[in-house]
N, C-alpha and C. Protein backbone atom coordinates (compact mmCIF):
# COMPACT_ATOMS: atom_id res chain seq x y z
N MET A 1 111.02 168.66 107.37
CA MET A 1 110.95 167.18 107.63
C MET A 1 112.01 166.64 107.16
N SER A 2 112.36 165.48 107.86
CA SER A 2 112.97 164.43 107.70
C SER A 2 112.66 163.58 106.45
N GLU A 3 113.71 162.81 105.86
CA GLU A 3 113.21 162.08 104.46
C GLU A 3 112.46 160.89 105.20
N PRO A 4 111.79 160.14 104.25
CA PRO A 4 111.19 159.20 104.59
C PRO A 4 112.04 158.08 104.59
N SER A 5 112.19 157.24 105.66
CA SER A 5 113.02 155.93 105.81
C SER A 5 112.71 155.15 104.92
N THR A 6 113.31 154.47 103.74
CA THR A 6 113.47 153.27 103.24
C THR A 6 113.54 152.18 104.18
N PRO A 7 112.58 151.36 103.57
CA PRO A 7 113.16 149.76 104.74
C PRO A 7 114.13 148.85 104.52
N ARG A 8 114.58 148.49 105.26
CA ARG A 8 116.09 147.69 105.27
C ARG A 8 115.50 146.59 104.34
N ARG A 9 116.66 146.54 102.99
CA ARG A 9 116.27 145.07 102.53
C ARG A 9 116.81 144.04 103.13
N GLU A 10 116.26 142.49 102.95
CA GLU A 10 117.06 141.39 103.76
C GLU A 10 117.28 140.58 102.45
N ARG A 11 117.95 139.78 102.25
CA ARG A 11 118.62 138.86 101.35
C ARG A 11 118.68 137.25 102.20
N VAL A 12 117.71 136.53 101.59
CA VAL A 12 117.70 135.25 102.13
C VAL A 12 118.73 134.22 101.47
N VAL A 13 119.37 133.81 102.24
CA VAL A 13 120.62 132.42 102.17
C VAL A 13 120.06 131.43 102.58
N LEU A 14 120.16 130.11 101.51
CA LEU A 14 119.90 128.88 102.18
C LEU A 14 120.65 128.85 103.09
N ALA A 15 120.62 128.13 104.33
CA ALA A 15 121.35 127.26 105.46
C ALA A 15 122.11 126.20 104.72
N GLN A 16 121.91 125.34 103.86
CA GLN A 16 123.02 124.12 103.29
C GLN A 16 122.00 123.73 102.25
N ARG A 17 122.73 123.16 101.15
CA ARG A 17 122.38 122.91 100.05
C ARG A 17 121.60 121.19 100.06
N ARG A 18 120.48 121.31 99.66
CA ARG A 18 120.05 119.88 99.46
C ARG A 18 119.28 119.32 98.22
N GLY A 19 119.14 118.36 97.83
CA GLY A 19 118.56 117.74 96.87
C GLY A 19 119.93 117.54 95.65
N ALA A 20 121.01 117.60 95.63
CA ALA A 20 122.01 117.57 95.04
C ALA A 20 122.11 116.24 94.14
N ARG A 21 122.06 114.82 94.83
CA ARG A 21 121.71 113.53 94.42
C ARG A 21 120.40 113.71 93.58
N ARG A 22 119.49 114.16 93.79
CA ARG A 22 118.25 113.80 93.60
C ARG A 22 118.54 114.72 91.70
N VAL A 23 118.79 115.79 91.90
CA VAL A 23 119.30 116.59 90.37
C VAL A 23 120.02 115.86 89.56
N ARG A 24 120.84 115.22 90.16
CA ARG A 24 122.03 114.26 89.70
C ARG A 24 121.26 113.03 88.74
N THR A 25 120.58 112.46 89.94
CA THR A 25 119.63 111.11 89.37
C THR A 25 118.96 111.42 88.05
N ARG A 26 118.05 112.47 88.42
CA ARG A 26 116.94 112.95 87.31
C ARG A 26 117.73 113.07 85.83
N VAL A 27 118.94 114.10 86.04
CA VAL A 27 119.61 113.97 84.80
C VAL A 27 119.88 112.97 84.28
N GLU A 28 120.71 112.17 85.18
CA GLU A 28 121.22 110.85 84.64
C GLU A 28 119.76 109.64 84.03
N VAL A 29 118.90 109.73 84.23
CA VAL A 29 117.30 109.17 83.83
C VAL A 29 117.23 110.08 82.77
N ARG A 30 117.30 111.37 82.48
CA ARG A 30 116.87 112.04 81.33
C ARG A 30 117.95 111.82 80.06
N GLU A 31 119.03 111.69 80.66
CA GLU A 31 120.00 111.82 79.69
C GLU A 31 120.73 110.10 79.22
N GLN A 32 119.52 108.99 79.76
CA GLN A 32 119.76 107.77 79.63
C GLN A 32 120.87 107.21 80.04
N THR A 33 121.89 107.57 80.81
CA THR A 33 122.97 107.09 81.10
C THR A 33 123.02 105.39 81.58
N GLU A 34 124.07 105.30 82.16
CA GLU A 34 123.88 103.76 82.51
C GLU A 34 123.05 103.82 84.23
N VAL A 35 123.56 104.69 84.76
CA VAL A 35 123.07 104.66 86.11
C VAL A 35 121.41 104.75 85.96
N GLY A 36 120.88 105.80 85.15
CA GLY A 36 119.45 106.20 84.68
C GLY A 36 118.58 104.96 84.05
N ASP A 37 119.63 103.92 83.18
CA ASP A 37 119.01 103.23 82.41
C ASP A 37 118.70 102.04 83.60
N ALA A 38 119.82 101.84 84.29
CA ALA A 38 119.41 100.98 85.35
C ALA A 38 118.31 101.15 86.35
N LEU A 39 117.91 102.41 86.34
CA LEU A 39 116.63 102.44 87.39
C LEU A 39 115.38 102.30 86.42
N VAL A 40 115.15 102.93 85.37
CA VAL A 40 114.33 102.50 84.83
C VAL A 40 113.98 100.85 84.64
N ARG A 41 115.41 100.17 84.30
CA ARG A 41 115.42 98.57 84.32
C ARG A 41 114.46 98.43 85.49
N GLY A 42 115.20 98.60 86.46
CA GLY A 42 114.56 98.13 87.78
C GLY A 42 113.19 98.44 88.38
N LEU A 43 112.80 99.70 87.59
CA LEU A 43 111.34 99.97 87.93
C LEU A 43 110.41 98.94 86.73
N MET A 44 111.03 98.51 85.35
CA MET A 44 110.21 97.79 84.56
C MET A 44 109.92 96.28 85.01
N ARG A 45 111.29 96.40 85.75
CA ARG A 45 111.31 94.62 86.27
C ARG A 45 110.60 94.32 87.48
N ALA A 46 110.35 95.39 88.47
CA ALA A 46 109.54 95.26 89.56
C ALA A 46 107.76 95.13 89.20
N GLN A 47 107.59 95.99 88.05
CA GLN A 47 106.20 95.59 87.61
C GLN A 47 106.31 94.36 87.03
N LEU A 48 107.06 94.03 86.30
CA LEU A 48 107.15 92.69 85.28
C LEU A 48 106.63 91.73 86.40
N GLY A 49 107.48 91.61 87.37
CA GLY A 49 107.57 90.62 88.66
C GLY A 49 106.20 90.36 89.21
N LEU A 50 105.46 91.44 89.68
CA LEU A 50 104.21 92.21 90.26
C LEU A 50 103.47 91.32 89.38
N ALA A 51 103.47 91.80 87.85
CA ALA A 51 102.23 91.20 87.13
C ALA A 51 102.20 89.58 86.93
N LEU A 52 103.75 88.96 86.68
CA LEU A 52 103.66 87.67 86.83
C LEU A 52 103.20 87.01 88.04
N ARG A 53 103.45 87.44 88.96
CA ARG A 53 102.90 86.83 90.42
C ARG A 53 101.40 86.92 90.54
N LEU A 54 101.00 87.83 89.80
CA LEU A 54 99.49 88.15 89.87
C LEU A 54 98.95 87.30 88.84
N GLY A 55 99.35 87.08 87.71
CA GLY A 55 99.17 86.21 86.78
C GLY A 55 98.87 84.59 87.10
N VAL A 56 100.26 84.46 87.56
CA VAL A 56 100.27 83.09 87.56
C VAL A 56 99.29 82.75 89.13
N THR A 57 99.12 83.61 89.77
CA THR A 57 98.65 83.14 91.18
C THR A 57 96.63 83.15 90.70
N THR A 58 96.39 84.25 89.96
CA THR A 58 95.20 84.31 89.39
C THR A 58 94.90 83.09 88.41
N ALA A 59 95.77 82.65 87.72
CA ALA A 59 95.51 81.28 86.71
C ALA A 59 95.51 80.22 87.54
N LEU A 60 96.15 79.73 88.54
CA LEU A 60 96.09 78.87 89.42
C LEU A 60 94.78 78.76 90.13
N LEU A 61 94.26 79.81 90.65
CA LEU A 61 93.22 79.87 91.25
C LEU A 61 92.00 79.39 90.16
N ILE A 62 91.77 79.98 89.10
CA ILE A 62 91.06 79.83 88.11
C ILE A 62 90.98 78.10 87.61
N ALA A 63 92.06 77.85 87.31
CA ALA A 63 92.34 76.43 87.28
C ALA A 63 91.92 75.44 88.14
N SER A 64 92.21 75.56 89.52
CA SER A 64 91.86 75.12 90.39
C SER A 64 90.34 75.11 90.69
N ILE A 65 89.24 75.60 90.02
CA ILE A 65 87.90 75.73 90.41
C ILE A 65 87.02 74.32 89.42
N PRO A 66 88.06 73.68 88.13
CA PRO A 66 87.13 72.99 87.66
C PRO A 66 87.87 71.52 88.39
N LEU A 67 89.06 71.72 88.80
CA LEU A 67 90.05 70.50 89.61
C LEU A 67 89.33 69.98 90.66
N LEU A 68 88.27 71.16 91.24
CA LEU A 68 87.90 71.04 92.66
C LEU A 68 86.39 69.82 92.34
N GLY A 69 86.34 70.12 91.12
CA GLY A 69 84.84 69.66 90.71
C GLY A 69 85.20 68.35 90.64
N THR A 70 86.27 67.76 89.77
CA THR A 70 86.67 66.56 89.28
C THR A 70 86.98 65.95 91.01
N VAL A 71 87.67 66.35 91.73
CA VAL A 71 88.00 65.45 93.04
C VAL A 71 87.22 65.61 93.91
N PHE A 72 86.27 66.44 93.87
CA PHE A 72 85.13 66.15 94.96
C PHE A 72 83.73 66.00 93.72
N PRO A 73 83.24 64.76 93.42
CA PRO A 73 82.26 64.95 92.22
C PRO A 73 81.18 65.40 92.95
N THR A 74 80.26 65.46 94.56
CA THR A 74 79.28 66.01 95.03
C THR A 74 79.41 67.60 94.58
N LEU A 75 80.62 68.44 95.03
CA LEU A 75 80.84 69.49 94.34
C LEU A 75 80.14 69.98 92.75
N GLY A 76 81.09 68.86 92.02
CA GLY A 76 80.97 69.27 90.53
C GLY A 76 79.48 69.01 90.14
N GLU A 77 78.72 68.24 90.84
CA GLU A 77 77.47 67.89 90.60
C GLU A 77 76.37 68.76 91.00
N ALA A 78 76.90 70.06 92.01
CA ALA A 78 76.21 70.55 92.79
C ALA A 78 75.34 71.57 91.60
N THR A 79 73.95 71.57 91.90
CA THR A 79 73.66 73.37 91.13
C THR A 79 72.36 74.16 91.71
N ILE A 80 72.60 75.19 91.38
CA ILE A 80 71.75 76.36 91.69
C ILE A 80 71.24 77.08 90.78
N ALA A 81 69.60 76.71 90.77
CA ALA A 81 68.76 77.43 89.70
C ALA A 81 69.07 76.79 88.42
N GLY A 82 69.38 75.51 88.39
CA GLY A 82 69.50 74.25 87.36
C GLY A 82 70.66 74.28 86.92
N ILE A 83 71.77 75.46 87.34
CA ILE A 83 73.13 75.61 86.52
C ILE A 83 74.11 75.11 87.75
N ARG A 84 75.47 74.41 86.78
CA ARG A 84 75.94 73.71 87.50
C ARG A 84 77.19 74.82 88.39
N LEU A 85 77.70 74.38 89.66
CA LEU A 85 78.31 75.40 90.55
C LEU A 85 79.46 75.85 89.91
N ASN A 86 80.27 74.82 89.16
CA ASN A 86 81.51 74.99 88.71
C ASN A 86 81.21 76.33 87.17
N TRP A 87 80.05 75.88 86.67
CA TRP A 87 79.82 77.17 85.50
C TRP A 87 79.56 78.24 86.20
N LEU A 88 78.86 78.47 87.14
CA LEU A 88 78.29 79.96 88.10
C LEU A 88 79.51 80.36 88.61
N VAL A 89 80.02 79.61 88.96
CA VAL A 89 81.52 80.22 89.21
C VAL A 89 82.41 80.61 88.50
N LEU A 90 82.88 80.24 87.45
CA LEU A 90 83.57 80.53 86.24
C LEU A 90 83.03 81.34 85.32
N GLY A 91 81.74 81.36 85.30
CA GLY A 91 80.96 82.65 84.37
C GLY A 91 80.29 83.89 85.23
N VAL A 92 80.56 84.08 86.21
CA VAL A 92 79.86 85.06 87.32
C VAL A 92 80.99 85.19 88.01
N LEU A 93 80.97 84.44 89.10
CA LEU A 93 81.92 85.11 90.04
C LEU A 93 83.23 85.47 89.92
N ILE A 94 83.58 85.00 88.93
CA ILE A 94 85.12 85.16 88.28
C ILE A 94 85.54 86.42 88.32
N TYR A 95 84.30 87.05 87.98
CA TYR A 95 84.57 88.79 87.46
C TYR A 95 84.97 89.74 88.83
N PRO A 96 84.24 89.16 89.77
CA PRO A 96 84.95 90.15 90.83
C PRO A 96 86.02 89.95 91.17
N LEU A 97 86.64 88.64 91.12
CA LEU A 97 87.91 88.27 91.60
C LEU A 97 89.10 88.53 90.37
N LEU A 98 88.44 88.86 89.59
CA LEU A 98 89.69 89.68 88.00
C LEU A 98 89.73 91.17 88.33
N TYR A 99 88.67 91.51 88.60
CA TYR A 99 88.58 93.07 89.21
C TYR A 99 89.45 93.47 90.39
N LEU A 100 89.58 92.40 91.35
CA LEU A 100 90.14 92.63 92.35
C LEU A 100 91.57 92.84 92.42
N VAL A 101 92.05 91.78 91.24
CA VAL A 101 93.18 91.20 91.10
C VAL A 101 94.05 92.83 90.34
N GLY A 102 93.04 92.83 89.56
CA GLY A 102 93.28 94.29 88.56
C GLY A 102 93.70 95.48 89.48
N ARG A 103 92.80 95.68 90.37
CA ARG A 103 92.92 96.71 91.45
C ARG A 103 94.36 96.37 92.16
N VAL A 104 94.86 95.52 92.59
CA VAL A 104 95.82 95.19 93.22
C VAL A 104 97.01 95.64 92.59
N TYR A 105 96.98 95.29 91.49
CA TYR A 105 98.02 95.47 90.64
C TYR A 105 98.36 96.95 90.30
N VAL A 106 97.33 97.71 90.19
CA VAL A 106 97.42 99.18 89.87
C VAL A 106 98.01 99.68 91.14
N ARG A 107 97.05 99.30 92.07
CA ARG A 107 97.72 99.90 93.34
C ARG A 107 99.43 99.71 94.09
N ILE A 108 99.50 98.75 93.52
CA ILE A 108 101.22 98.26 93.80
C ILE A 108 101.99 98.81 93.01
N ALA A 109 101.64 98.59 91.35
CA ALA A 109 102.53 99.35 90.54
C ALA A 109 102.60 100.75 90.73
N GLU A 110 101.99 101.52 90.86
CA GLU A 110 101.75 103.04 91.40
C GLU A 110 102.33 103.03 92.47
N GLN A 111 102.62 102.66 93.44
CA GLN A 111 103.66 102.64 94.61
C GLN A 111 104.70 102.58 94.10
N ALA A 112 105.13 101.53 93.51
CA ALA A 112 106.55 101.41 93.08
C ALA A 112 107.24 102.58 91.95
N GLU A 113 105.86 103.16 91.08
CA GLU A 113 106.26 104.45 90.47
C GLU A 113 106.48 105.81 91.08
N ASP A 114 105.70 105.58 92.33
CA ASP A 114 105.94 106.67 93.39
C ASP A 114 107.39 106.53 93.80
N ASP A 115 107.50 105.45 94.14
CA ASP A 115 108.95 105.23 95.06
C ASP A 115 110.08 105.82 93.86
N PHE A 116 110.09 104.90 92.69
CA PHE A 116 110.74 105.54 91.55
C PHE A 116 111.06 107.26 91.55
N LEU A 117 109.73 107.93 91.42
CA LEU A 117 109.96 108.92 91.15
C LEU A 117 110.23 109.99 92.25
N GLY A 118 110.26 109.12 93.83
CA GLY A 118 110.94 109.88 94.75
C GLY A 118 112.46 109.93 94.63
N LEU A 119 113.06 108.83 94.15
CA LEU A 119 114.34 108.82 93.56
C LEU A 119 114.88 110.11 92.90
N ILE A 120 114.08 110.21 91.55
CA ILE A 120 114.25 111.63 90.82
C ILE A 120 114.17 112.71 91.00
N GLU A 121 112.70 112.79 91.83
CA GLU A 121 112.24 114.45 91.55
C GLU A 121 112.44 114.68 93.36
N GLU A 122 112.27 115.98 93.26
CA GLU A 122 112.59 116.69 94.39
C GLU A 122 111.09 116.77 95.07
N ASP A 123 110.87 116.48 96.30
CA ASP A 123 109.74 116.12 97.12
C ASP A 123 109.35 117.69 97.35
N THR A 124 108.24 117.89 97.36
CA THR A 124 107.73 119.40 97.70
C THR A 124 107.77 119.23 99.32
N ASP A 125 107.76 118.62 100.02
CA ASP A 125 108.32 118.58 101.34
C ASP A 125 109.72 119.25 101.71
N ALA A 126 110.52 118.59 100.79
CA ALA A 126 111.98 119.09 101.18
C ALA A 126 112.09 120.63 100.82
N GLY A 127 111.28 121.26 99.62
CA GLY A 127 111.38 122.45 99.18
C GLY A 127 111.16 123.03 100.47
N VAL A 128 109.79 122.79 100.92
CA VAL A 128 108.73 123.69 102.21
C VAL A 128 110.55 123.65 103.25
N GLU A 129 110.94 122.70 103.73
CA GLU A 129 112.19 122.70 104.88
C GLU A 129 113.11 123.55 104.15
N ASP A 130 113.48 123.52 102.88
CA ASP A 130 114.64 124.54 102.66
C ASP A 130 114.61 126.43 102.89
N VAL A 131 112.92 126.25 102.60
CA VAL A 131 112.52 127.41 102.93
C VAL A 131 112.53 128.10 104.53
N THR A 132 112.19 127.18 104.93
CA THR A 132 112.12 127.26 106.67
C THR A 132 113.58 127.17 107.54
N ASP A 133 114.29 126.48 106.49
CA ASP A 133 115.71 125.99 107.31
C ASP A 133 116.49 127.60 106.74
N ALA A 134 115.69 128.51 105.99
CA ALA A 134 116.97 129.39 105.28
C ALA A 134 117.11 130.66 106.40
N GLY A 135 118.58 130.95 106.05
CA GLY A 135 119.23 132.18 106.83
C GLY A 135 119.24 133.22 106.68
N VAL A 136 118.97 134.26 107.53
CA VAL A 136 118.26 135.69 106.89
C VAL A 136 119.65 136.53 107.14
N GLU A 137 120.11 137.29 105.87
CA GLU A 137 121.03 138.23 106.22
C GLU A 137 120.54 139.34 105.95
N ASN A 138 121.06 140.60 106.86
CA ASN A 138 120.65 142.10 106.64
C ASN A 138 121.58 142.73 105.81
N VAL A 139 120.91 143.43 104.94
CA VAL A 139 121.42 144.04 103.80
C VAL A 139 121.56 145.25 103.72
N THR A 140 122.00 146.62 103.87
CA THR A 140 121.57 147.81 104.12
C THR A 140 121.90 148.59 102.55
N ASP A 141 120.77 149.61 102.40
CA ASP A 141 120.74 150.15 101.11
C ASP A 141 121.96 151.16 100.90
N ALA A 142 122.92 151.01 101.57
CA ALA A 142 123.86 152.34 101.68
C ALA A 142 124.38 151.99 100.21
N GLY A 143 124.83 151.00 99.78
CA GLY A 143 125.59 150.56 99.05
C GLY A 143 124.34 151.08 97.46
N VAL A 144 123.32 150.65 97.69
CA VAL A 144 122.14 150.85 96.62
C VAL A 144 121.95 152.50 96.23
N GLU A 145 122.15 153.49 97.05
CA GLU A 145 121.98 154.52 96.85
C GLU A 145 123.46 155.27 95.88
N ASP A 146 124.43 154.62 96.10
CA ASP A 146 125.90 154.83 95.67
C ASP A 146 125.61 154.30 94.17
N GLY A 147 124.78 153.51 93.57
CA GLY A 147 124.73 152.95 92.74
C GLY A 147 125.49 151.38 92.33
N GLN A 148 125.80 151.05 93.55
CA GLN A 148 126.35 150.04 93.76
C GLN A 148 125.71 148.74 94.12
N SER A 149 125.71 147.65 93.94
CA SER A 149 124.51 146.57 94.19
C SER A 149 124.92 145.95 95.54
N PRO A 150 124.01 145.70 96.14
CA PRO A 150 124.89 144.61 97.86
C PRO A 150 125.44 143.69 97.46
């Protein structure tokens, strides 16, 4: 009888190297080099600018409620269930507005963080592309039988 045939070994070789820039950027952030420090400061500056814009807008909106009552006296004297409209808006209706502003801030801040992490870490999609773009090189087992590595 003949010897059982051993399957041919295949070595997978990547077609091209990707992600070298991402690795370098990630190292620069971890080691706190000038470039990494600038990237982190940019993220913090973007989040601070967002917080200031939303805070000022919210403060102006809240401050405009009593001013509207002063400018338009009939609006300031209007009552609902014995409570002045100004106090009703400032005491009750302001909370959904604050909740909405908080949700908007978190959403945009997380989007900025995701963009930052996109610069730093490798995308999982890029890893999948690397595997599908891999070239396959056939290697015979003849060298292995002789004790040599392929």
